[in-house]
Amino acid sequence: MPSTMEVACEDDDCELDMFENHYTYDVPDDHAVEDLTCPYCGGSDLAEIEV
């Protein structure tokens, strides 16, 4: 099954608390949270949530 990454936006002015990224099998091994931006505010102050 493809992986899922749960991400929190840590920008104090952003209203989004978390989002999930669902990946296909083709996602590169070196892809990380640093490659993402927040879908709500567009910021890059993100942290992966470990579940």
N, C-alpha and C. Protein backbone atom coordinates (compact mmCIF):
# COMPACT_ATOMS: atom_id res chain seq x y z
N MET A 1 0.85 -1.17 0.00
CA MET A 1 0.00 0.00 0.00
C MET A 1 0.90 1.23 0.00
N PRO A 2 0.54 2.26 -0.79
CA PRO A 2 1.34 3.49 -0.81
C PRO A 2 1.35 4.17 0.56
N SER A 3 2.39 4.93 0.80
CA SER A 3 2.53 5.56 2.11
C SER A 3 1.65 6.80 2.24
N THR A 4 1.42 7.18 3.49
CA THR A 4 0.70 8.39 3.85
C THR A 4 1.56 9.17 4.82
N MET A 5 1.65 10.48 4.63
CA MET A 5 2.40 11.33 5.55
C MET A 5 1.43 12.33 6.15
N GLU A 6 1.39 12.41 7.48
CA GLU A 6 0.58 13.41 8.15
C GLU A 6 1.49 14.58 8.51
N VAL A 7 1.04 15.79 8.17
CA VAL A 7 1.87 16.98 8.29
C VAL A 7 1.12 18.06 9.04
N ALA A 8 1.83 18.76 9.93
CA ALA A 8 1.26 19.90 10.64
C ALA A 8 1.91 21.18 10.16
N CYS A 9 1.10 22.22 9.98
CA CYS A 9 1.63 23.54 9.67
C CYS A 9 1.89 24.24 11.00
N GLU A 10 3.11 24.71 11.20
CA GLU A 10 3.49 25.32 12.47
C GLU A 10 3.54 26.84 12.40
N ASP A 11 3.00 27.43 11.35
CA ASP A 11 2.92 28.88 11.23
C ASP A 11 1.80 29.36 12.16
N ASP A 12 2.12 30.25 13.08
CA ASP A 12 1.14 30.73 14.06
C ASP A 12 -0.05 31.44 13.43
N ASP A 13 0.13 32.01 12.24
CA ASP A 13 -0.95 32.72 11.57
C ASP A 13 -1.81 31.82 10.68
N CYS A 14 -1.46 30.57 10.55
CA CYS A 14 -2.19 29.64 9.69
C CYS A 14 -3.32 28.97 10.47
N GLU A 15 -4.46 28.82 9.82
CA GLU A 15 -5.63 28.21 10.45
C GLU A 15 -5.68 26.69 10.27
N LEU A 16 -4.79 26.12 9.44
CA LEU A 16 -4.78 24.68 9.20
C LEU A 16 -3.92 24.00 10.25
N ASP A 17 -4.47 23.01 10.94
CA ASP A 17 -3.67 22.35 11.96
C ASP A 17 -2.90 21.15 11.41
N MET A 18 -3.49 20.41 10.46
CA MET A 18 -2.78 19.28 9.87
C MET A 18 -3.42 18.88 8.55
N PHE A 19 -2.64 18.15 7.74
CA PHE A 19 -3.17 17.58 6.51
C PHE A 19 -2.44 16.28 6.23
N GLU A 20 -3.03 15.45 5.39
CA GLU A 20 -2.43 14.19 5.01
C GLU A 20 -2.03 14.23 3.55
N ASN A 21 -0.88 13.67 3.26
CA ASN A 21 -0.44 13.49 1.89
C ASN A 21 -0.49 12.00 1.59
N HIS A 22 -1.18 11.63 0.54
CA HIS A 22 -1.27 10.24 0.12
C HIS A 22 -0.44 10.09 -1.15
N TYR A 23 0.45 9.14 -1.14
CA TYR A 23 1.41 8.98 -2.24
C TYR A 23 1.11 7.76 -3.09
N THR A 24 1.59 7.81 -4.33
CA THR A 24 1.55 6.64 -5.20
C THR A 24 2.80 5.81 -4.92
N TYR A 25 2.92 4.71 -5.60
CA TYR A 25 4.09 3.87 -5.42
C TYR A 25 5.34 4.50 -6.03
N ASP A 26 5.18 5.54 -6.85
CA ASP A 26 6.31 6.12 -7.57
C ASP A 26 6.99 7.27 -6.85
N VAL A 27 6.61 7.60 -5.62
CA VAL A 27 7.23 8.71 -4.91
C VAL A 27 8.71 8.37 -4.65
N PRO A 28 9.61 9.34 -4.91
CA PRO A 28 11.04 9.09 -4.69
C PRO A 28 11.36 8.80 -3.23
N ASP A 29 12.35 7.99 -2.99
CA ASP A 29 12.74 7.63 -1.62
C ASP A 29 13.22 8.83 -0.82
N ASP A 30 13.79 9.83 -1.50
CA ASP A 30 14.34 10.98 -0.79
C ASP A 30 13.33 12.11 -0.59
N HIS A 31 12.05 11.88 -0.92
CA HIS A 31 11.01 12.89 -0.73
C HIS A 31 10.76 13.06 0.76
N ALA A 32 10.68 14.32 1.22
CA ALA A 32 10.51 14.59 2.65
C ALA A 32 9.57 15.77 2.85
N VAL A 33 9.23 16.04 4.09
CA VAL A 33 8.33 17.13 4.43
C VAL A 33 8.90 18.48 3.97
N GLU A 34 10.20 18.60 3.86
CA GLU A 34 10.83 19.83 3.41
C GLU A 34 10.49 20.16 1.95
N ASP A 35 10.02 19.17 1.21
CA ASP A 35 9.64 19.36 -0.19
C ASP A 35 8.21 19.89 -0.36
N LEU A 36 7.48 20.04 0.73
CA LEU A 36 6.06 20.41 0.69
C LEU A 36 5.84 21.86 1.10
N THR A 37 4.68 22.39 0.75
CA THR A 37 4.20 23.67 1.26
C THR A 37 2.78 23.46 1.79
N CYS A 38 2.39 24.30 2.70
CA CYS A 38 1.06 24.20 3.29
C CYS A 38 0.00 24.52 2.23
N PRO A 39 -1.01 23.67 2.08
CA PRO A 39 -2.06 23.93 1.09
C PRO A 39 -2.98 25.09 1.48
N TYR A 40 -2.92 25.54 2.71
CA TYR A 40 -3.79 26.63 3.17
C TYR A 40 -3.09 27.99 3.06
N CYS A 41 -1.90 28.11 3.70
CA CYS A 41 -1.23 29.41 3.72
C CYS A 41 -0.05 29.50 2.75
N GLY A 42 0.38 28.37 2.21
CA GLY A 42 1.50 28.37 1.27
C GLY A 42 2.86 28.40 1.95
N GLY A 43 2.88 28.37 3.25
CA GLY A 43 4.14 28.43 3.99
C GLY A 43 4.89 27.12 3.99
N SER A 44 6.12 27.18 4.46
CA SER A 44 6.96 25.98 4.47
C SER A 44 7.38 25.59 5.88
N ASP A 45 6.72 26.15 6.90
CA ASP A 45 7.03 25.80 8.29
C ASP A 45 6.20 24.59 8.69
N LEU A 46 6.62 23.43 8.17
CA LEU A 46 5.86 22.19 8.35
C LEU A 46 6.65 21.17 9.15
N ALA A 47 5.93 20.29 9.81
CA ALA A 47 6.54 19.20 10.58
C ALA A 47 5.73 17.94 10.35
N GLU A 48 6.43 16.83 10.15
CA GLU A 48 5.75 15.54 10.00
C GLU A 48 5.26 15.07 11.36
N ILE A 49 4.02 14.58 11.39
CA ILE A 49 3.44 14.04 12.61
C ILE A 49 3.70 12.55 12.64
N GLU A 50 4.34 12.08 13.69
CA GLU A 50 4.58 10.65 13.86
C GLU A 50 3.40 10.02 14.58
N VAL A 51 2.78 9.04 13.97
CA VAL A 51 1.64 8.35 14.60
C VAL A 51 2.00 6.95 14.99
